[in-house]
Amino acid sequence: MLLEEILRQDIFNLLQCVSIKFNIPLNQLLKRYIPNIKPYKKIKRKRTNYGKKPCFNIPKDYKCIARCWGGKDSVKYIVKDKKWIYGTRCKIHKYGRTNYCLTHLKQVKKKGHPEHGDFDKKVPHNHYLKYKKKIEFKFRLQDMNT
């Protein structure tokens, strides 16, 4: 109610100034311009779904090509192809016409390459080798026991 009173007083003062300056009767201005103010309470909407954000499957051609570190489980050996996979591919869509998302594009502009390199190229550092050695050791132990 306080805001309503302040608004009415400000409008009254404005109309009084107009009345004096332009010689218009104050009663006429008050009838015409004093609004019937009815304050209302804003309805707060509660969020009903507290789950994850909706997940969209982005086609491979539209994903960022940077490699992300996915923890110790991200180093894998594919027996069928005899190929090592280091890290995971970034799941975010490309930014504009570049091959990277906005996060990895900033890394490319700053360092010249993403921190963990491109997913389809060699790893730029030896960070993954310790996990590769653990997997190799684990498979050798299993081969000896059988």
N, C-alpha and C. Protein backbone atom coordinates (compact mmCIF):
# COMPACT_ATOMS: atom_id res chain seq x y z
N MET A 1 0.81 -1.20 0.00
CA MET A 1 0.00 0.00 0.00
C MET A 1 0.85 1.27 0.00
N LEU A 2 2.03 1.17 0.52
CA LEU A 2 2.91 2.32 0.58
C LEU A 2 3.28 2.80 -0.82
N LEU A 3 3.56 1.90 -1.71
CA LEU A 3 3.92 2.26 -3.07
C LEU A 3 2.76 2.95 -3.78
N GLU A 4 1.55 2.49 -3.54
CA GLU A 4 0.36 3.10 -4.13
C GLU A 4 0.23 4.56 -3.67
N GLU A 5 0.45 4.82 -2.40
CA GLU A 5 0.36 6.19 -1.87
C GLU A 5 1.44 7.09 -2.47
N ILE A 6 2.63 6.56 -2.61
CA ILE A 6 3.73 7.34 -3.20
C ILE A 6 3.40 7.71 -4.64
N LEU A 7 2.88 6.74 -5.41
CA LEU A 7 2.52 7.01 -6.80
C LEU A 7 1.41 8.06 -6.89
N ARG A 8 0.39 7.94 -6.08
CA ARG A 8 -0.70 8.92 -6.08
C ARG A 8 -0.18 10.33 -5.75
N GLN A 9 0.67 10.45 -4.76
CA GLN A 9 1.22 11.74 -4.36
C GLN A 9 2.07 12.33 -5.47
N ASP A 10 2.91 11.52 -6.13
CA ASP A 10 3.74 12.01 -7.23
C ASP A 10 2.89 12.48 -8.40
N ILE A 11 1.86 11.73 -8.74
CA ILE A 11 0.97 12.13 -9.84
C ILE A 11 0.23 13.41 -9.47
N PHE A 12 -0.23 13.52 -8.23
CA PHE A 12 -0.93 14.72 -7.77
C PHE A 12 -0.02 15.95 -7.89
N ASN A 13 1.25 15.81 -7.45
CA ASN A 13 2.20 16.92 -7.54
C ASN A 13 2.44 17.32 -9.00
N LEU A 14 2.54 16.36 -9.87
CA LEU A 14 2.75 16.64 -11.29
C LEU A 14 1.54 17.38 -11.86
N LEU A 15 0.34 16.92 -11.56
CA LEU A 15 -0.87 17.55 -12.06
C LEU A 15 -1.05 18.97 -11.49
N GLN A 16 -0.64 19.17 -10.26
CA GLN A 16 -0.72 20.49 -9.64
C GLN A 16 0.20 21.46 -10.37
N CYS A 17 1.39 21.02 -10.73
CA CYS A 17 2.33 21.86 -11.48
C CYS A 17 1.77 22.20 -12.86
N VAL A 18 1.18 21.20 -13.54
CA VAL A 18 0.60 21.41 -14.86
C VAL A 18 -0.57 22.40 -14.74
N SER A 19 -1.38 22.25 -13.72
CA SER A 19 -2.54 23.13 -13.50
C SER A 19 -2.11 24.59 -13.33
N ILE A 20 -1.07 24.81 -12.58
CA ILE A 20 -0.60 26.17 -12.32
C ILE A 20 0.04 26.77 -13.58
N LYS A 21 0.86 25.98 -14.26
CA LYS A 21 1.61 26.47 -15.40
C LYS A 21 0.71 26.76 -16.61
N PHE A 22 -0.29 25.91 -16.85
CA PHE A 22 -1.12 26.04 -18.05
C PHE A 22 -2.55 26.54 -17.75
N ASN A 23 -2.81 26.94 -16.54
CA ASN A 23 -4.11 27.47 -16.13
C ASN A 23 -5.26 26.51 -16.46
N ILE A 24 -5.09 25.27 -16.11
CA ILE A 24 -6.12 24.24 -16.27
C ILE A 24 -6.64 23.93 -14.87
N PRO A 25 -7.96 23.85 -14.71
CA PRO A 25 -8.48 23.56 -13.37
C PRO A 25 -7.98 22.22 -12.83
N LEU A 26 -7.54 22.23 -11.61
CA LEU A 26 -6.95 21.03 -10.98
C LEU A 26 -7.97 19.90 -10.88
N ASN A 27 -9.23 20.22 -10.58
CA ASN A 27 -10.26 19.16 -10.47
C ASN A 27 -10.43 18.40 -11.78
N GLN A 28 -10.35 19.12 -12.89
CA GLN A 28 -10.50 18.48 -14.20
C GLN A 28 -9.34 17.51 -14.45
N LEU A 29 -8.13 17.92 -14.13
CA LEU A 29 -6.96 17.06 -14.31
C LEU A 29 -7.01 15.84 -13.38
N LEU A 30 -7.45 16.07 -12.15
CA LEU A 30 -7.51 14.96 -11.20
C LEU A 30 -8.51 13.89 -11.64
N LYS A 31 -9.69 14.34 -12.15
CA LYS A 31 -10.69 13.38 -12.61
C LYS A 31 -10.18 12.55 -13.79
N ARG A 32 -9.43 13.23 -14.63
CA ARG A 32 -8.98 12.56 -15.85
C ARG A 32 -7.73 11.70 -15.66
N TYR A 33 -6.78 12.13 -14.85
CA TYR A 33 -5.46 11.49 -14.83
C TYR A 33 -5.12 10.73 -13.55
N ILE A 34 -5.85 10.86 -12.49
CA ILE A 34 -5.54 10.05 -11.30
C ILE A 34 -6.06 8.64 -11.57
N PRO A 35 -5.16 7.71 -11.65
CA PRO A 35 -5.58 6.34 -11.97
C PRO A 35 -6.14 5.63 -10.74
N ASN A 36 -6.90 4.61 -11.02
CA ASN A 36 -7.39 3.74 -9.96
C ASN A 36 -6.37 2.61 -9.84
N ILE A 37 -5.42 2.78 -8.96
CA ILE A 37 -4.30 1.83 -8.86
C ILE A 37 -4.70 0.66 -7.98
N LYS A 38 -4.53 -0.52 -8.55
CA LYS A 38 -4.79 -1.75 -7.78
C LYS A 38 -3.53 -2.60 -7.83
N PRO A 39 -2.76 -2.58 -6.76
CA PRO A 39 -1.55 -3.40 -6.77
C PRO A 39 -1.91 -4.89 -6.74
N TYR A 40 -1.12 -5.68 -7.41
CA TYR A 40 -1.34 -7.12 -7.42
C TYR A 40 -0.04 -7.83 -7.06
N LYS A 41 -0.19 -9.00 -6.56
CA LYS A 41 0.99 -9.79 -6.19
C LYS A 41 1.39 -10.64 -7.38
N LYS A 42 2.67 -10.67 -7.61
CA LYS A 42 3.19 -11.48 -8.69
C LYS A 42 3.12 -12.94 -8.28
N ILE A 43 2.61 -13.74 -9.17
CA ILE A 43 2.49 -15.17 -8.89
C ILE A 43 3.83 -15.84 -9.18
N LYS A 44 4.35 -16.52 -8.20
CA LYS A 44 5.61 -17.24 -8.38
C LYS A 44 5.32 -18.62 -8.93
N ARG A 45 5.98 -18.93 -10.00
CA ARG A 45 5.82 -20.26 -10.58
C ARG A 45 6.90 -21.16 -10.03
N LYS A 46 6.50 -22.30 -9.57
CA LYS A 46 7.47 -23.25 -9.04
C LYS A 46 7.91 -24.18 -10.15
N ARG A 47 9.17 -24.51 -10.10
CA ARG A 47 9.72 -25.45 -11.06
C ARG A 47 9.24 -26.83 -10.71
N THR A 48 8.65 -27.52 -11.67
CA THR A 48 8.11 -28.84 -11.37
C THR A 48 9.11 -29.95 -11.65
N ASN A 49 9.93 -29.79 -12.65
CA ASN A 49 10.86 -30.85 -13.01
C ASN A 49 12.26 -30.49 -12.51
N TYR A 50 12.73 -31.21 -11.52
CA TYR A 50 14.05 -30.93 -10.96
C TYR A 50 15.12 -31.86 -11.53
N GLY A 51 14.79 -32.57 -12.59
CA GLY A 51 15.73 -33.52 -13.20
C GLY A 51 16.81 -32.81 -14.00
N LYS A 52 17.47 -33.59 -14.83
CA LYS A 52 18.54 -33.07 -15.67
C LYS A 52 17.96 -32.26 -16.82
N LYS A 53 18.84 -31.51 -17.45
CA LYS A 53 18.43 -30.77 -18.64
C LYS A 53 18.10 -31.78 -19.73
N PRO A 54 17.27 -31.39 -20.66
CA PRO A 54 16.96 -32.34 -21.74
C PRO A 54 18.20 -32.66 -22.55
N CYS A 55 18.35 -33.89 -22.89
CA CYS A 55 19.54 -34.36 -23.60
C CYS A 55 19.19 -34.53 -25.08
N PHE A 56 19.96 -33.91 -25.91
CA PHE A 56 19.77 -34.02 -27.34
C PHE A 56 20.94 -34.78 -27.93
N ASN A 57 20.66 -35.68 -28.83
CA ASN A 57 21.71 -36.41 -29.51
C ASN A 57 22.20 -35.57 -30.68
N ILE A 58 23.40 -35.05 -30.57
CA ILE A 58 23.97 -34.22 -31.62
C ILE A 58 24.68 -35.14 -32.60
N PRO A 59 24.43 -35.01 -33.91
CA PRO A 59 25.14 -35.84 -34.88
C PRO A 59 26.64 -35.63 -34.79
N LYS A 60 27.40 -36.65 -35.14
CA LYS A 60 28.85 -36.64 -35.00
C LYS A 60 29.50 -35.48 -35.76
N ASP A 61 28.95 -35.15 -36.92
CA ASP A 61 29.53 -34.07 -37.73
C ASP A 61 29.40 -32.70 -37.09
N TYR A 62 28.46 -32.55 -36.15
CA TYR A 62 28.21 -31.26 -35.53
C TYR A 62 28.79 -31.14 -34.13
N LYS A 63 29.49 -32.18 -33.65
CA LYS A 63 30.10 -32.14 -32.32
C LYS A 63 31.50 -31.53 -32.39
N CYS A 64 31.91 -30.98 -31.29
CA CYS A 64 33.27 -30.46 -31.13
C CYS A 64 34.25 -31.63 -31.28
N ILE A 65 35.41 -31.39 -31.92
CA ILE A 65 36.34 -32.49 -32.16
C ILE A 65 37.43 -32.58 -31.10
N ALA A 66 37.31 -31.83 -30.02
CA ALA A 66 38.33 -31.84 -28.97
C ALA A 66 38.20 -33.08 -28.09
N ARG A 67 39.31 -33.50 -27.50
CA ARG A 67 39.33 -34.63 -26.58
C ARG A 67 39.14 -34.10 -25.16
N CYS A 68 38.31 -34.78 -24.40
CA CYS A 68 38.08 -34.41 -23.00
C CYS A 68 38.62 -35.51 -22.10
N TRP A 69 39.07 -35.11 -20.94
CA TRP A 69 39.55 -36.08 -19.97
C TRP A 69 38.35 -36.62 -19.22
N GLY A 70 38.18 -37.94 -19.21
CA GLY A 70 37.02 -38.55 -18.57
C GLY A 70 37.39 -39.39 -17.38
N GLY A 71 38.52 -39.13 -16.76
CA GLY A 71 38.93 -39.91 -15.60
C GLY A 71 39.69 -41.16 -16.01
N LYS A 72 39.99 -42.03 -15.04
CA LYS A 72 40.81 -43.21 -15.34
C LYS A 72 40.09 -44.20 -16.24
N ASP A 73 38.76 -44.13 -16.27
CA ASP A 73 38.00 -45.05 -17.12
C ASP A 73 37.96 -44.61 -18.58
N SER A 74 38.56 -43.49 -18.90
CA SER A 74 38.49 -43.01 -20.27
C SER A 74 39.61 -43.55 -21.15
N VAL A 75 40.53 -44.30 -20.58
CA VAL A 75 41.57 -44.96 -21.38
C VAL A 75 41.11 -46.38 -21.64
N LYS A 76 40.93 -46.71 -22.92
CA LYS A 76 40.40 -48.03 -23.29
C LYS A 76 41.20 -48.62 -24.44
N TYR A 77 41.21 -49.94 -24.47
CA TYR A 77 41.85 -50.65 -25.57
C TYR A 77 40.77 -51.46 -26.28
N ILE A 78 40.64 -51.24 -27.58
CA ILE A 78 39.67 -51.98 -28.36
C ILE A 78 40.41 -53.15 -29.01
N VAL A 79 40.09 -54.35 -28.55
CA VAL A 79 40.79 -55.55 -29.00
C VAL A 79 40.52 -55.79 -30.48
N LYS A 80 39.29 -55.61 -30.89
CA LYS A 80 38.88 -55.88 -32.27
C LYS A 80 39.70 -55.05 -33.28
N ASP A 81 39.89 -53.77 -32.99
CA ASP A 81 40.63 -52.88 -33.89
C ASP A 81 42.10 -52.75 -33.51
N LYS A 82 42.48 -53.32 -32.33
CA LYS A 82 43.83 -53.18 -31.78
C LYS A 82 44.20 -51.70 -31.72
N LYS A 83 43.35 -50.94 -31.07
CA LYS A 83 43.51 -49.50 -31.03
C LYS A 83 43.24 -48.98 -29.62
N TRP A 84 44.03 -48.00 -29.18
CA TRP A 84 43.84 -47.36 -27.89
C TRP A 84 42.98 -46.13 -28.06
N ILE A 85 42.09 -45.91 -27.11
CA ILE A 85 41.28 -44.69 -27.08
C ILE A 85 41.61 -43.96 -25.80
N TYR A 86 42.04 -42.71 -25.96
CA TYR A 86 42.41 -41.88 -24.81
C TYR A 86 41.38 -40.77 -24.65
N GLY A 87 40.69 -40.75 -23.53
CA GLY A 87 39.71 -39.71 -23.26
C GLY A 87 38.42 -39.93 -24.02
N THR A 88 37.56 -38.92 -23.98
CA THR A 88 36.29 -38.98 -24.69
C THR A 88 36.18 -37.77 -25.60
N ARG A 89 35.32 -37.89 -26.57
CA ARG A 89 35.10 -36.75 -27.45
C ARG A 89 34.16 -35.76 -26.77
N CYS A 90 34.41 -34.48 -26.95
CA CYS A 90 33.56 -33.44 -26.37
C CYS A 90 32.14 -33.60 -26.89
N LYS A 91 31.16 -33.47 -25.99
CA LYS A 91 29.77 -33.73 -26.34
C LYS A 91 29.01 -32.47 -26.75
N ILE A 92 29.67 -31.32 -26.73
CA ILE A 92 29.01 -30.05 -27.02
C ILE A 92 29.09 -29.76 -28.53
N HIS A 93 28.09 -29.06 -29.04
CA HIS A 93 28.04 -28.76 -30.48
C HIS A 93 29.10 -27.73 -30.85
N LYS A 94 29.47 -27.74 -32.14
CA LYS A 94 30.47 -26.81 -32.64
C LYS A 94 29.96 -25.38 -32.54
N TYR A 95 30.89 -24.45 -32.41
CA TYR A 95 30.55 -23.04 -32.34
C TYR A 95 30.74 -22.42 -33.72
N GLY A 96 29.66 -21.98 -34.32
CA GLY A 96 29.74 -21.35 -35.63
C GLY A 96 30.28 -22.32 -36.66
N ARG A 97 31.25 -21.86 -37.44
CA ARG A 97 31.84 -22.70 -38.50
C ARG A 97 33.17 -23.31 -38.09
N THR A 98 33.49 -23.20 -36.81
CA THR A 98 34.74 -23.78 -36.32
C THR A 98 34.52 -25.25 -35.99
N ASN A 99 35.59 -25.95 -35.69
CA ASN A 99 35.51 -27.37 -35.33
C ASN A 99 35.38 -27.58 -33.83
N TYR A 100 35.36 -26.50 -33.05
CA TYR A 100 35.37 -26.61 -31.60
C TYR A 100 34.16 -25.92 -30.98
N CYS A 101 33.83 -26.34 -29.77
CA CYS A 101 32.81 -25.64 -28.99
C CYS A 101 33.46 -24.35 -28.46
N LEU A 102 32.68 -23.52 -27.82
CA LEU A 102 33.19 -22.23 -27.36
C LEU A 102 34.32 -22.39 -26.33
N THR A 103 34.18 -23.37 -25.44
CA THR A 103 35.21 -23.60 -24.41
C THR A 103 36.55 -23.99 -25.04
N HIS A 104 36.51 -24.96 -25.96
CA HIS A 104 37.76 -25.43 -26.58
C HIS A 104 38.29 -24.41 -27.59
N LEU A 105 37.41 -23.61 -28.18
CA LEU A 105 37.85 -22.57 -29.10
C LEU A 105 38.69 -21.53 -28.36
N LYS A 106 38.29 -21.21 -27.12
CA LYS A 106 39.08 -20.28 -26.31
C LYS A 106 40.47 -20.86 -26.01
N GLN A 107 40.53 -22.19 -25.75
CA GLN A 107 41.82 -22.84 -25.51
C GLN A 107 42.69 -22.80 -26.76
N VAL A 108 42.08 -23.00 -27.94
CA VAL A 108 42.82 -22.98 -29.19
C VAL A 108 43.39 -21.58 -29.44
N LYS A 109 42.58 -20.55 -29.18
CA LYS A 109 43.05 -19.18 -29.39
C LYS A 109 44.17 -18.83 -28.41
N LYS A 110 44.11 -19.39 -27.19
CA LYS A 110 45.11 -19.07 -26.17
C LYS A 110 46.40 -19.87 -26.34
N LYS A 111 46.26 -21.21 -26.55
CA LYS A 111 47.43 -22.08 -26.57
C LYS A 111 47.79 -22.60 -27.96
N GLY A 112 46.85 -22.52 -28.92
CA GLY A 112 47.11 -23.05 -30.26
C GLY A 112 46.50 -24.42 -30.47
N HIS A 113 46.06 -25.07 -29.39
CA HIS A 113 45.41 -26.39 -29.48
C HIS A 113 44.60 -26.61 -28.21
N PRO A 114 43.60 -27.51 -28.26
CA PRO A 114 42.87 -27.82 -27.02
C PRO A 114 43.80 -28.49 -26.01
N GLU A 115 43.46 -28.43 -24.76
CA GLU A 115 44.33 -28.94 -23.69
C GLU A 115 44.71 -30.40 -23.89
N HIS A 116 43.74 -31.24 -24.26
CA HIS A 116 44.01 -32.67 -24.44
C HIS A 116 44.07 -33.06 -25.92
N GLY A 117 44.12 -32.11 -26.81
CA GLY A 117 44.26 -32.37 -28.24
C GLY A 117 42.94 -32.67 -28.92
N ASP A 118 43.04 -32.99 -30.21
CA ASP A 118 41.87 -33.39 -30.98
C ASP A 118 41.61 -34.87 -30.79
N PHE A 119 40.35 -35.26 -30.84
CA PHE A 119 40.00 -36.65 -30.58
C PHE A 119 40.52 -37.59 -31.66
N ASP A 120 40.58 -37.13 -32.90
CA ASP A 120 41.00 -37.99 -34.01
C ASP A 120 42.51 -37.96 -34.25
N LYS A 121 43.26 -37.22 -33.44
CA LYS A 121 44.71 -37.12 -33.60
C LYS A 121 45.42 -37.67 -32.37
N LYS A 122 46.75 -37.69 -32.42
CA LYS A 122 47.54 -38.19 -31.29
C LYS A 122 47.41 -37.26 -30.08
N VAL A 123 47.62 -37.83 -28.91
CA VAL A 123 47.55 -37.07 -27.67
C VAL A 123 48.79 -36.17 -27.57
N PRO A 124 48.62 -34.88 -27.22
CA PRO A 124 49.77 -33.97 -27.19
C PRO A 124 50.64 -34.10 -25.94
N HIS A 125 50.26 -34.95 -24.99
CA HIS A 125 51.06 -35.10 -23.77
C HIS A 125 51.00 -36.56 -23.32
N ASN A 126 51.81 -36.90 -22.30
CA ASN A 126 51.91 -38.28 -21.81
C ASN A 126 51.01 -38.55 -20.61
N HIS A 127 50.01 -37.76 -20.42
CA HIS A 127 49.14 -37.87 -19.26
C HIS A 127 48.42 -39.22 -19.21
N TYR A 128 48.08 -39.76 -20.36
CA TYR A 128 47.30 -40.99 -20.43
C TYR A 128 48.15 -42.26 -20.29
N LEU A 129 49.46 -42.12 -20.41
CA LEU A 129 50.33 -43.31 -20.41
C LEU A 129 50.27 -44.11 -19.12
N LYS A 130 50.13 -43.46 -17.97
CA LYS A 130 50.09 -44.20 -16.70
C LYS A 130 48.87 -45.10 -16.65
N TYR A 131 47.75 -44.67 -17.21
CA TYR A 131 46.53 -45.50 -17.23
C TYR A 131 46.66 -46.60 -18.28
N LYS A 132 47.35 -46.30 -19.36
CA LYS A 132 47.60 -47.31 -20.39
C LYS A 132 48.46 -48.44 -19.83
N LYS A 133 49.48 -48.08 -19.04
CA LYS A 133 50.35 -49.09 -18.44
C LYS A 133 49.59 -49.96 -17.45
N LYS A 134 48.68 -49.36 -16.68
CA LYS A 134 47.89 -50.14 -15.73
C LYS A 134 47.03 -51.16 -16.45
N ILE A 135 46.44 -50.77 -17.56
CA ILE A 135 45.59 -51.69 -18.33
C ILE A 135 46.45 -52.80 -18.93
N GLU A 136 47.60 -52.44 -19.48
CA GLU A 136 48.49 -53.46 -20.04
C GLU A 136 48.93 -54.45 -18.97
N PHE A 137 49.27 -53.93 -17.79
CA PHE A 137 49.69 -54.80 -16.70
C PHE A 137 48.56 -55.72 -16.27
N LYS A 138 47.37 -55.19 -16.20
CA LYS A 138 46.20 -55.97 -15.80
C LYS A 138 45.95 -57.11 -16.79
N PHE A 139 46.06 -56.83 -18.08
CA PHE A 139 45.83 -57.88 -19.07
C PHE A 139 46.94 -58.93 -19.05
N ARG A 140 48.17 -58.53 -18.77
CA ARG A 140 49.27 -59.49 -18.69
C ARG A 140 49.07 -60.43 -17.51
N LEU A 141 48.62 -59.90 -16.34
CA LEU A 141 48.34 -60.74 -15.18
C LEU A 141 47.24 -61.75 -15.50
N GLN A 142 46.22 -61.34 -16.20
CA GLN A 142 45.15 -62.25 -16.53
C GLN A 142 45.61 -63.33 -17.49
N ASP A 143 46.53 -62.98 -18.44
CA ASP A 143 47.05 -63.96 -19.39
C ASP A 143 47.91 -65.01 -18.68
N MET A 144 48.67 -64.60 -17.67
CA MET A 144 49.54 -65.54 -16.96
C MET A 144 48.72 -66.53 -16.12
N ASN A 145 47.64 -66.07 -15.51
CA ASN A 145 46.85 -66.94 -14.65
C ASN A 145 46.06 -67.98 -15.44
N THR A 146 45.78 -67.74 -16.71
CA THR A 146 44.99 -68.70 -17.48
C THR A 146 45.85 -69.66 -18.25
